[in-house]
Every structure is written in structure tokens, then in C-alpha cells.
Amino acid sequence: MDGNPTFLPCPDHSPGRSLAAPPRITPSSSPALVTSVQDLYDFICSGPLVDRIGYTKEKIAESIDRWLRCGGQVARLFRLNELQLSEAEKARIYHFYIPVFLWCEDQVIEHRAKYNEGDEIPPLVIGVSAPQGSGKTTLVFALNYLFQVAGRKSTVLSIDDFYLTAKEQNELRDRNPGNALLELRGNAGSHDLQFSVETLESLTKLTKEGMKMKVPRYNKSAFGGRGDRADPSVWPEVEGPLEVILFEGWMLGFKPLPNEVVKAVDPQVIL
């Protein structure tokens, strides 16, 4: 891959999932009417991420049309009335989704500026790492949508897409009898790392029109919930030129520790 992926610290990838079926944000019973651009500007400026993404009040004012456009797009994606958002919905959109997207887009612009006109520019890999159940998939779903409506070709991968096949997971369990951490998928050791590297490397080569490849998906419902890699016939197809690869997972960027340190925590972690 071209350099290291950009990491952004922070529903299930079912086969064939598309932008046509967005996750539903449950509306709150207390709508907060967006009465003016000034009110929304003040609300945006109060967000916890604006400083971290390098946005001053002046920069927000200069780009307010961009914030409003993206906010409206996300609201419609999640079937919300952009003028009747609850406080929680408004915070989720303008304090979280939009700042993260603008940061990501700035990274893409910076990445592409390193190349000369006519160069084949590999897509930027942006990693989104956060605990399980924290909303990574919904966030990445929104980011992917915003990139696409902005005219940038993007695709999404999850670390879950690279779980071992059911057969391989059973073999791993049998090689480690009594190790509860390896009986089922989920923990480190239950992923096909080589397959993930090969997939990412192949995706970064989709730099021209007409170049295509299928990206893997994992079926968590197979074998009574034990899961299995989905049949390649249902893997979604991606076409170049890609500009962004969004890669989400709960332990992306984790670094290994010495075996003696790990063993002191739980001997079962040592393979």
C-alpha cells in the first residue's frame, strides 16, 4: 500500500448492503428548531471536535455553506427533518458526523496534492477505530455517502469482513482446546490478516476508469450465528478510480506487546 493509512481514533456489514437502506436514527420527542444560520453557526462552534480538526470560528464562518449542505445531506440520509432536529440529532450531525467528514476530506485533498497532474493517485486509506457498539459502522456509512455525493469514489471495509472462514475458525479452535478466546470469532487471531492486506493492496491499485474488483463480506448469521465468509457471488463490486477507502474496526492500529506482558494478563492470549 502507498504509505500508512490515516487513522481516525474514535450495523453489521451484511452481504450486499447498499446506500439504499440507511440505518434509522430514532427521533427524539423534543425537537430543536433550527431557527437561523447564526444559531447553527454558534452551535457548530461549540462542538468538541472543531479544535481537533483545525477549524477556527473564522474558518467555520467561511465554510458555513459546506456545513449546511453536508448537514442537510446527512439529515435526509437518516430520514430526518433538518429543520426539526432534536438536540441529540443536531449534536450527532454537526458535532460528530460533519466535523469527522470535513477532517477526512481535508486528508484526501492533502494526500492527492502530493501527486503531479497525470499521476496515478492511489486512494487514501482512512482507518476508523473505536470500541464495539460505539457506532463505527453508522459513522462510516455516513462518511461513505458524503464522499459519494461530493463526487469522490469511495468504498467501505470492516475488519469483520476478514474473519476466518467457518472451517478455518473451527480448525483454530481445535488447535487450541480449552482456549475460550479462540472458540468463536471476534478476538485477535480470528482474522485472516494476509487476506486483509492483499485486499487493501488490490483496492489501492484501482486508480483508473474501468478497473473493478469485488470486496469481501462476512455473513454473521451463517451456521446459527457462528458466521462464515459470504459467498463471493454476493460480494459488492467496486470500480475505479477510487479516492477513499474507509476501513473500520475495533482494534485497528493496535500494536503487539511482548509475550511475557500478555501472558501476565491472560495466558490464553498467547497462541
C-alpha atoms as a PDB file:
ATOM      1  CA  MET A   1       0.000   0.000   0.000  1.00  0.00           C
ATOM      2  CA  ASP A   2       1.063   3.586  -0.521  1.00  0.00           C
ATOM      3  CA  GLY A   3       2.416   4.681   2.860  1.00  0.00           C
ATOM      4  CA  ASN A   4       0.496   4.185   6.073  1.00  0.00           C
ATOM      5  CA  PRO A   5      -3.259   4.530   6.345  1.00  0.00           C
ATOM      6  CA  THR A   6      -4.652   7.628   8.003  1.00  0.00           C
ATOM      7  CA  PHE A   7      -6.242   6.637  11.306  1.00  0.00           C
ATOM      8  CA  LEU A   8      -9.170   8.395  12.879  1.00  0.00           C
ATOM      9  CA  PRO A   9      -9.337   7.374  16.575  1.00  0.00           C
ATOM     10  CA  CYS A  10     -12.776   7.442  17.800  1.00  0.00           C
ATOM     11  CA  PRO A  11     -24.747  -2.278  11.786  1.00  0.00           C
ATOM     12  CA  ASP A  12     -23.382  -5.104  10.699  1.00  0.00           C
ATOM     13  CA  HIS A  13     -21.656  -5.479   7.295  1.00  0.00           C
ATOM     14  CA  SER A  14     -24.201  -7.836   5.832  1.00  0.00           C
ATOM     15  CA  PRO A  15     -23.585  -9.029   2.276  1.00  0.00           C
ATOM     16  CA  GLY A  16     -24.813  -6.679  -0.402  1.00  0.00           C
ATOM     17  CA  ARG A  17     -25.582  -3.794   1.929  1.00  0.00           C
ATOM     18  CA  SER A  18     -26.133  -0.587  -0.038  1.00  0.00           C
ATOM     19  CA  LEU A  19     -26.812   3.090   0.455  1.00  0.00           C
ATOM     20  CA  ALA A  20     -30.481   2.470  -0.286  1.00  0.00           C
ATOM     21  CA  ALA A  21     -31.169   1.215   3.240  1.00  0.00           C
ATOM     22  CA  PRO A  22     -29.655   3.620   5.779  1.00  0.00           C
ATOM     23  CA  PRO A  23     -29.706   2.929   9.495  1.00  0.00           C
ATOM     24  CA  ARG A  24     -32.591   4.716  11.176  1.00  0.00           C
ATOM     25  CA  ILE A  25     -31.879   7.265  13.897  1.00  0.00           C
ATOM     26  CA  THR A  26     -34.782   7.177  16.328  1.00  0.00           C
ATOM     27  CA  PRO A  27     -36.261  10.689  16.541  1.00  0.00           C
ATOM     28  CA  SER A  28     -36.411  12.390  19.908  1.00  0.00           C
ATOM     29  CA  SER A  29     -39.657  13.762  21.292  1.00  0.00           C
ATOM     30  CA  SER A  30     -38.092  17.189  21.869  1.00  0.00           C
ATOM     31  CA  PRO A  31     -37.356  18.875  18.526  1.00  0.00           C
ATOM     32  CA  ALA A  32     -34.914  21.782  18.469  1.00  0.00           C
ATOM     33  CA  LEU A  33     -35.994  24.117  15.700  1.00  0.00           C
ATOM     34  CA  VAL A  34     -33.100  25.362  13.595  1.00  0.00           C
ATOM     35  CA  THR A  35     -34.247  28.977  13.507  1.00  0.00           C
ATOM     36  CA  SER A  36     -31.315  30.683  11.797  1.00  0.00           C
ATOM     37  CA  VAL A  37     -27.918  30.180  10.263  1.00  0.00           C
ATOM     38  CA  GLN A  38     -26.462  32.217  13.130  1.00  0.00           C
ATOM     39  CA  ASP A  39     -27.904  29.815  15.701  1.00  0.00           C
ATOM     40  CA  LEU A  40     -26.494  26.856  13.822  1.00  0.00           C
ATOM     41  CA  TYR A  41     -23.123  28.575  13.423  1.00  0.00           C
ATOM     42  CA  ASP A  42     -22.942  29.138  17.180  1.00  0.00           C
ATOM     43  CA  PHE A  43     -23.914  25.508  17.784  1.00  0.00           C
ATOM     44  CA  ILE A  44     -21.245  24.237  15.380  1.00  0.00           C
ATOM     45  CA  CYS A  45     -18.589  26.400  17.033  1.00  0.00           C
ATOM     46  CA  SER A  46     -19.466  24.888  20.420  1.00  0.00           C
ATOM     47  CA  GLY A  47     -18.693  21.361  19.218  1.00  0.00           C
ATOM     48  CA  PRO A  48     -15.943  19.335  20.911  1.00  0.00           C
ATOM     49  CA  LEU A  49     -14.172  18.382  17.669  1.00  0.00           C
ATOM     50  CA  VAL A  50     -13.757  21.715  15.889  1.00  0.00           C
ATOM     51  CA  ASP A  51     -10.428  22.499  17.551  1.00  0.00           C
ATOM     52  CA  ARG A  52      -9.127  18.988  16.957  1.00  0.00           C
ATOM     53  CA  ILE A  53      -9.841  19.154  13.223  1.00  0.00           C
ATOM     54  CA  GLY A  54      -8.165  22.558  12.975  1.00  0.00           C
ATOM     55  CA  TYR A  55     -11.267  24.693  12.442  1.00  0.00           C
ATOM     56  CA  THR A  56     -11.410  28.172  13.954  1.00  0.00           C
ATOM     57  CA  LYS A  57     -14.589  30.227  14.195  1.00  0.00           C
ATOM     58  CA  GLU A  58     -13.375  32.170  11.185  1.00  0.00           C
ATOM     59  CA  LYS A  59     -12.813  29.022   9.147  1.00  0.00           C
ATOM     60  CA  ILE A  60     -16.253  27.720  10.092  1.00  0.00           C
ATOM     61  CA  ALA A  61     -17.809  31.025   9.021  1.00  0.00           C
ATOM     62  CA  GLU A  62     -16.002  30.853   5.676  1.00  0.00           C
ATOM     63  CA  SER A  63     -17.198  27.284   5.094  1.00  0.00           C
ATOM     64  CA  ILE A  64     -20.683  27.544   6.628  1.00  0.00           C
ATOM     65  CA  ASP A  65     -22.353  26.731   3.299  1.00  0.00           C
ATOM     66  CA  ARG A  66     -20.383  23.481   3.224  1.00  0.00           C
ATOM     67  CA  TRP A  67     -21.507  22.626   6.766  1.00  0.00           C
ATOM     68  CA  LEU A  68     -25.137  23.366   5.916  1.00  0.00           C
ATOM     69  CA  ARG A  69     -25.022  21.359   2.709  1.00  0.00           C
ATOM     70  CA  CYS A  70     -23.448  18.338   4.399  1.00  0.00           C
ATOM     71  CA  GLY A  71     -25.797  18.617   7.364  1.00  0.00           C
ATOM     72  CA  GLY A  72     -28.827  18.599   5.097  1.00  0.00           C
ATOM     73  CA  GLN A  73     -27.490  15.598   3.194  1.00  0.00           C
ATOM     74  CA  VAL A  74     -26.905  13.588   6.372  1.00  0.00           C
ATOM     75  CA  ALA A  75     -30.311  14.524   7.772  1.00  0.00           C
ATOM     76  CA  ARG A  76     -32.010  13.311   4.607  1.00  0.00           C
ATOM     77  CA  LEU A  77     -29.874  10.163   4.571  1.00  0.00           C
ATOM     78  CA  PHE A  78     -31.223   9.269   8.003  1.00  0.00           C
ATOM     79  CA  ARG A  79     -34.741  10.448   7.095  1.00  0.00           C
ATOM     80  CA  LEU A  80     -34.718  13.378   9.481  1.00  0.00           C
ATOM     81  CA  ASN A  81     -36.232  16.839   9.071  1.00  0.00           C
ATOM     82  CA  GLU A  82     -33.172  19.078   9.008  1.00  0.00           C
ATOM     83  CA  LEU A  83     -35.216  21.995  10.395  1.00  0.00           C
ATOM     84  CA  GLN A  84     -36.711  19.963  13.257  1.00  0.00           C
ATOM     85  CA  LEU A  85     -33.756  18.128  14.763  1.00  0.00           C
ATOM     86  CA  SER A  86     -33.656  17.104  18.394  1.00  0.00           C
ATOM     87  CA  GLU A  87     -30.672  18.320  20.389  1.00  0.00           C
ATOM     88  CA  ALA A  88     -29.182  14.826  20.211  1.00  0.00           C
ATOM     89  CA  GLU A  89     -29.696  14.604  16.446  1.00  0.00           C
ATOM     90  CA  LYS A  90     -28.263  18.069  15.898  1.00  0.00           C
ATOM     91  CA  ALA A  91     -25.223  17.194  18.009  1.00  0.00           C
ATOM     92  CA  ARG A  92     -24.721  13.901  16.217  1.00  0.00           C
ATOM     93  CA  ILE A  93     -24.766  15.590  12.824  1.00  0.00           C
ATOM     94  CA  TYR A  94     -22.988  18.902  13.479  1.00  0.00           C
ATOM     95  CA  HIS A  95     -20.718  17.932  16.381  1.00  0.00           C
ATOM     96  CA  PHE A  96     -19.748  14.492  15.088  1.00  0.00           C
ATOM     97  CA  TYR A  97     -20.553  13.362  11.545  1.00  0.00           C
ATOM     98  CA  ILE A  98     -19.805  16.611   9.719  1.00  0.00           C
ATOM     99  CA  PRO A  99     -16.559  17.506  11.570  1.00  0.00           C
ATOM    100  CA  VAL A 100     -15.257  13.982  11.026  1.00  0.00           C
ATOM    101  CA  PHE A 101     -16.175  14.115   7.336  1.00  0.00           C
ATOM    102  CA  LEU A 102     -14.534  17.507   6.826  1.00  0.00           C
ATOM    103  CA  TRP A 103     -11.380  16.232   8.529  1.00  0.00           C
ATOM    104  CA  CYS A 104     -11.395  13.147   6.288  1.00  0.00           C
ATOM    105  CA  GLU A 105     -11.924  15.209   3.156  1.00  0.00           C
ATOM    106  CA  ASP A 106      -9.072  17.516   4.133  1.00  0.00           C
ATOM    107  CA  GLN A 107      -6.839  14.431   4.451  1.00  0.00           C
ATOM    108  CA  VAL A 108      -7.886  13.283   0.978  1.00  0.00           C
ATOM    109  CA  ILE A 109      -7.183  16.712  -0.519  1.00  0.00           C
ATOM    110  CA  GLU A 110      -3.778  16.824   1.170  1.00  0.00           C
ATOM    111  CA  HIS A 111      -2.988  13.281   0.001  1.00  0.00           C
ATOM    112  CA  ARG A 112      -3.885  13.990  -3.616  1.00  0.00           C
ATOM    113  CA  ALA A 113      -1.952  17.264  -3.641  1.00  0.00           C
ATOM    114  CA  LYS A 114       1.282  15.277  -3.235  1.00  0.00           C
ATOM    115  CA  TYR A 115       0.976  13.964  -6.796  1.00  0.00           C
ATOM    116  CA  ASN A 116       1.512  15.640 -10.139  1.00  0.00           C
ATOM    117  CA  GLU A 117      -1.115  16.032 -12.818  1.00  0.00           C
ATOM    118  CA  GLY A 118      -1.377  12.823 -14.810  1.00  0.00           C
ATOM    119  CA  ASP A 119      -0.063  10.624 -11.995  1.00  0.00           C
ATOM    120  CA  GLU A 120      -1.976   7.544 -10.963  1.00  0.00           C
ATOM    121  CA  ILE A 121      -3.086   8.505  -7.468  1.00  0.00           C
ATOM    122  CA  PRO A 122      -3.792   5.639  -5.065  1.00  0.00           C
ATOM    123  CA  PRO A 123      -6.825   6.043  -2.824  1.00  0.00           C
ATOM    124  CA  LEU A 124      -6.246   7.183   0.725  1.00  0.00           C
ATOM    125  CA  VAL A 125      -6.973   4.521   3.339  1.00  0.00           C
ATOM    126  CA  ILE A 126      -8.695   6.063   6.365  1.00  0.00           C
ATOM    127  CA  GLY A 127      -8.958   3.825   9.407  1.00  0.00           C
ATOM    128  CA  VAL A 128     -11.777   4.347  11.894  1.00  0.00           C
ATOM    129  CA  SER A 129     -11.018   2.587  15.167  1.00  0.00           C
ATOM    130  CA  ALA A 130     -13.370   2.611  18.153  1.00  0.00           C
ATOM    131  CA  PRO A 131     -14.870   0.133  20.654  1.00  0.00           C
ATOM    132  CA  GLN A 132     -17.511  -2.367  19.640  1.00  0.00           C
ATOM    133  CA  GLY A 133     -21.020  -0.945  19.630  1.00  0.00           C
ATOM    134  CA  SER A 134     -19.835   2.672  19.524  1.00  0.00           C
ATOM    135  CA  GLY A 135     -21.351   3.457  16.119  1.00  0.00           C
ATOM    136  CA  LYS A 136     -18.369   2.960  13.794  1.00  0.00           C
ATOM    137  CA  THR A 137     -20.405   1.328  11.062  1.00  0.00           C
ATOM    138  CA  THR A 138     -23.069   4.039  11.075  1.00  0.00           C
ATOM    139  CA  LEU A 139     -20.397   6.741  11.036  1.00  0.00           C
ATOM    140  CA  VAL A 140     -18.573   5.109   8.131  1.00  0.00           C
ATOM    141  CA  PHE A 141     -21.894   4.636   6.338  1.00  0.00           C
ATOM    142  CA  ALA A 142     -22.478   8.403   6.580  1.00  0.00           C
ATOM    143  CA  LEU A 143     -18.902   9.224   5.535  1.00  0.00           C
ATOM    144  CA  ASN A 144     -19.137   6.956   2.510  1.00  0.00           C
ATOM    145  CA  TYR A 145     -22.406   8.619   1.495  1.00  0.00           C
ATOM    146  CA  LEU A 146     -20.972  12.127   1.872  1.00  0.00           C
ATOM    147  CA  PHE A 147     -17.908  11.243  -0.187  1.00  0.00           C
ATOM    148  CA  GLN A 148     -20.076   9.830  -2.938  1.00  0.00           C
ATOM    149  CA  VAL A 149     -22.451  12.793  -3.122  1.00  0.00           C
ATOM    150  CA  ALA A 150     -19.345  15.013  -3.211  1.00  0.00           C
ATOM    151  CA  GLY A 151     -18.246  13.142  -6.331  1.00  0.00           C
ATOM    152  CA  ARG A 152     -15.447  11.109  -4.754  1.00  0.00           C
ATOM    153  CA  LYS A 153     -15.457   7.368  -5.358  1.00  0.00           C
ATOM    154  CA  SER A 154     -15.126   5.548  -2.058  1.00  0.00           C
ATOM    155  CA  THR A 155     -15.623   2.108  -0.617  1.00  0.00           C
ATOM    156  CA  VAL A 156     -16.022   0.597   2.832  1.00  0.00           C
ATOM    157  CA  LEU A 157     -14.346  -2.344   4.519  1.00  0.00           C
ATOM    158  CA  SER A 158     -14.662  -3.663   8.047  1.00  0.00           C
ATOM    159  CA  ILE A 159     -12.203  -5.756   9.992  1.00  0.00           C
ATOM    160  CA  ASP A 160     -15.190  -8.108  10.355  1.00  0.00           C
ATOM    161  CA  ASP A 161     -15.005  -8.789   6.617  1.00  0.00           C
ATOM    162  CA  PHE A 162     -11.726 -10.614   7.240  1.00  0.00           C
ATOM    163  CA  TYR A 163     -12.773 -13.111   9.867  1.00  0.00           C
ATOM    164  CA  LEU A 164     -11.538 -16.619   9.182  1.00  0.00           C
ATOM    165  CA  THR A 165     -13.932 -18.843   7.284  1.00  0.00           C
ATOM    166  CA  ALA A 166     -16.104 -21.138   9.406  1.00  0.00           C
ATOM    167  CA  LYS A 167     -13.837 -24.069   8.530  1.00  0.00           C
ATOM    168  CA  GLU A 168     -10.683 -22.149   9.458  1.00  0.00           C
ATOM    169  CA  GLN A 169     -12.233 -20.911  12.712  1.00  0.00           C
ATOM    170  CA  ASN A 170     -13.142 -24.479  13.682  1.00  0.00           C
ATOM    171  CA  GLU A 171      -9.585 -25.585  12.931  1.00  0.00           C
ATOM    172  CA  LEU A 172      -8.214 -22.739  15.062  1.00  0.00           C
ATOM    173  CA  ARG A 173     -10.479 -23.790  17.937  1.00  0.00           C
ATOM    174  CA  ASP A 174      -9.406 -27.424  17.623  1.00  0.00           C
ATOM    175  CA  ARG A 175      -5.718 -26.465  17.682  1.00  0.00           C
ATOM    176  CA  ASN A 176      -6.283 -24.532  20.905  1.00  0.00           C
ATOM    177  CA  PRO A 177      -8.557 -26.728  23.062  1.00  0.00           C
ATOM    178  CA  GLY A 178      -9.842 -25.010  26.175  1.00  0.00           C
ATOM    179  CA  ASN A 179      -8.923 -21.521  24.952  1.00  0.00           C
ATOM    180  CA  ALA A 180     -12.192 -19.613  25.315  1.00  0.00           C
ATOM    181  CA  LEU A 181     -10.779 -16.636  23.416  1.00  0.00           C
ATOM    182  CA  LEU A 182     -10.456 -18.683  20.240  1.00  0.00           C
ATOM    183  CA  GLU A 183     -13.606 -20.774  20.342  1.00  0.00           C
ATOM    184  CA  LEU A 184     -15.539 -18.173  18.357  1.00  0.00           C
ATOM    185  CA  ARG A 185     -14.728 -15.286  16.045  1.00  0.00           C
ATOM    186  CA  GLY A 186     -14.006 -11.817  17.373  1.00  0.00           C
ATOM    187  CA  ASN A 187     -10.687 -11.735  19.158  1.00  0.00           C
ATOM    188  CA  ALA A 188      -7.246 -11.205  17.717  1.00  0.00           C
ATOM    189  CA  GLY A 189      -6.212 -14.392  15.976  1.00  0.00           C
ATOM    190  CA  SER A 190      -9.611 -14.966  14.375  1.00  0.00           C
ATOM    191  CA  HIS A 191      -8.886 -12.784  11.336  1.00  0.00           C
ATOM    192  CA  ASP A 192      -7.194 -13.606   8.041  1.00  0.00           C
ATOM    193  CA  LEU A 193      -4.570 -10.869   8.120  1.00  0.00           C
ATOM    194  CA  GLN A 194      -2.927 -11.875   4.852  1.00  0.00           C
ATOM    195  CA  PHE A 195      -6.274 -11.711   3.073  1.00  0.00           C
ATOM    196  CA  SER A 196      -6.928  -8.247   4.512  1.00  0.00           C
ATOM    197  CA  VAL A 197      -3.533  -6.954   3.370  1.00  0.00           C
ATOM    198  CA  GLU A 198      -4.000  -8.398  -0.109  1.00  0.00           C
ATOM    199  CA  THR A 199      -7.481  -6.879  -0.377  1.00  0.00           C
ATOM    200  CA  LEU A 200      -6.334  -3.426   0.698  1.00  0.00           C
ATOM    201  CA  GLU A 201      -3.338  -3.547  -1.620  1.00  0.00           C
ATOM    202  CA  SER A 202      -5.566  -4.539  -4.535  1.00  0.00           C
ATOM    203  CA  LEU A 203      -8.022  -1.748  -3.772  1.00  0.00           C
ATOM    204  CA  THR A 204      -5.245   0.849  -3.722  1.00  0.00           C
ATOM    205  CA  LYS A 205      -4.448  -0.143  -7.311  1.00  0.00           C
ATOM    206  CA  LEU A 206      -7.920   0.815  -8.580  1.00  0.00           C
ATOM    207  CA  THR A 207      -6.676   4.095  -9.996  1.00  0.00           C
ATOM    208  CA  LYS A 208      -8.255   4.050 -13.463  1.00  0.00           C
ATOM    209  CA  GLU A 209     -11.705   4.034 -15.010  1.00  0.00           C
ATOM    210  CA  GLY A 210     -12.949   0.544 -15.768  1.00  0.00           C
ATOM    211  CA  MET A 211     -10.820  -1.207 -13.148  1.00  0.00           C
ATOM    212  CA  LYS A 212     -13.044  -3.367 -10.947  1.00  0.00           C
ATOM    213  CA  MET A 213     -12.845  -5.840  -8.100  1.00  0.00           C
ATOM    214  CA  LYS A 214     -15.168  -7.443  -5.596  1.00  0.00           C
ATOM    215  CA  VAL A 215     -14.691  -6.744  -1.907  1.00  0.00           C
ATOM    216  CA  PRO A 216     -15.350  -9.441   0.707  1.00  0.00           C
ATOM    217  CA  ARG A 217     -18.225  -9.530   3.140  1.00  0.00           C
ATOM    218  CA  TYR A 218     -18.844 -11.719   6.164  1.00  0.00           C
ATOM    219  CA  ASN A 219     -22.168 -13.384   6.944  1.00  0.00           C
ATOM    220  CA  LYS A 220     -22.585 -13.343  10.723  1.00  0.00           C
ATOM    221  CA  SER A 221     -25.858 -15.252  10.557  1.00  0.00           C
ATOM    222  CA  ALA A 222     -24.353 -18.362   8.932  1.00  0.00           C
ATOM    223  CA  PHE A 223     -24.094 -21.594  10.919  1.00  0.00           C
ATOM    224  CA  GLY A 224     -26.537 -20.491  13.568  1.00  0.00           C
ATOM    225  CA  GLY A 225     -24.743 -17.233  14.268  1.00  0.00           C
ATOM    226  CA  ARG A 226     -21.226 -18.623  14.317  1.00  0.00           C
ATOM    227  CA  GLY A 227     -20.697 -16.963  10.952  1.00  0.00           C
ATOM    228  CA  ASP A 228     -18.818 -17.625   7.744  1.00  0.00           C
ATOM    229  CA  ARG A 229     -17.339 -15.602   4.921  1.00  0.00           C
ATOM    230  CA  ALA A 230     -20.093 -14.726   2.476  1.00  0.00           C
ATOM    231  CA  ASP A 231     -20.087 -16.382  -0.917  1.00  0.00           C
ATOM    232  CA  PRO A 232     -18.132 -14.254  -3.428  1.00  0.00           C
ATOM    233  CA  SER A 233     -21.233 -14.126  -5.631  1.00  0.00           C
ATOM    234  CA  VAL A 234     -22.784 -11.622  -3.190  1.00  0.00           C
ATOM    235  CA  TRP A 235     -19.675  -9.506  -2.605  1.00  0.00           C
ATOM    236  CA  PRO A 236     -20.200  -5.915  -3.801  1.00  0.00           C
ATOM    237  CA  GLU A 237     -18.175  -4.760  -6.780  1.00  0.00           C
ATOM    238  CA  VAL A 238     -16.026  -1.639  -6.601  1.00  0.00           C
ATOM    239  CA  GLU A 239     -14.953   0.332  -9.658  1.00  0.00           C
ATOM    240  CA  GLY A 240     -12.049   2.745 -10.007  1.00  0.00           C
ATOM    241  CA  PRO A 241     -10.720   5.278  -9.846  1.00  0.00           C
ATOM    242  CA  LEU A 242     -11.087   5.100  -6.074  1.00  0.00           C
ATOM    243  CA  GLU A 243     -10.198   8.126  -3.975  1.00  0.00           C
ATOM    244  CA  VAL A 244     -11.022   6.848  -0.488  1.00  0.00           C
ATOM    245  CA  ILE A 245     -11.062   3.506   1.325  1.00  0.00           C
ATOM    246  CA  LEU A 246     -12.832   3.633   4.697  1.00  0.00           C
ATOM    247  CA  PHE A 247     -11.635   0.784   6.903  1.00  0.00           C
ATOM    248  CA  GLU A 248     -13.360   0.362  10.264  1.00  0.00           C
ATOM    249  CA  GLY A 249     -12.700  -1.939  13.175  1.00  0.00           C
ATOM    250  CA  TRP A 250     -12.474  -2.103  16.939  1.00  0.00           C
ATOM    251  CA  MET A 251      -8.742  -2.800  17.140  1.00  0.00           C
ATOM    252  CA  LEU A 252      -7.228  -1.073  14.133  1.00  0.00           C
ATOM    253  CA  GLY A 253      -3.844   0.410  14.909  1.00  0.00           C
ATOM    254  CA  PHE A 254      -3.288  -1.825  17.927  1.00  0.00           C
ATOM    255  CA  LYS A 255       0.339  -2.833  18.365  1.00  0.00           C
ATOM    256  CA  PRO A 256       1.593  -6.168  19.729  1.00  0.00           C
ATOM    257  CA  LEU A 257       3.019  -6.457  23.224  1.00  0.00           C
ATOM    258  CA  PRO A 258       5.794  -8.833  24.329  1.00  0.00           C
ATOM    259  CA  ASN A 259       4.504 -12.319  25.120  1.00  0.00           C
ATOM    260  CA  GLU A 260       5.556 -12.093  28.758  1.00  0.00           C
ATOM    261  CA  VAL A 261       3.444  -8.953  29.230  1.00  0.00           C
ATOM    262  CA  VAL A 262       0.421 -10.533  27.563  1.00  0.00           C
ATOM    263  CA  LYS A 263       0.804 -13.807  29.450  1.00  0.00           C
ATOM    264  CA  ALA A 264       0.721 -11.952  32.755  1.00  0.00           C
ATOM    265  CA  VAL A 265      -2.735 -10.647  31.837  1.00  0.00           C
ATOM    266  CA  ASP A 266      -4.199 -13.867  30.424  1.00  0.00           C
ATOM    267  CA  PRO A 267      -2.163 -16.924  29.346  1.00  0.00           C
ATOM    268  CA  GLN A 268      -4.892 -17.831  26.834  1.00  0.00           C
ATOM    269  CA  VAL A 269      -3.978 -14.825  24.710  1.00  0.00           C
ATOM    270  CA  ILE A 270      -0.696 -16.468  23.684  1.00  0.00           C
ATOM    271  CA  LEU A 271      -1.214 -18.545  20.534  1.00  0.00           C
END
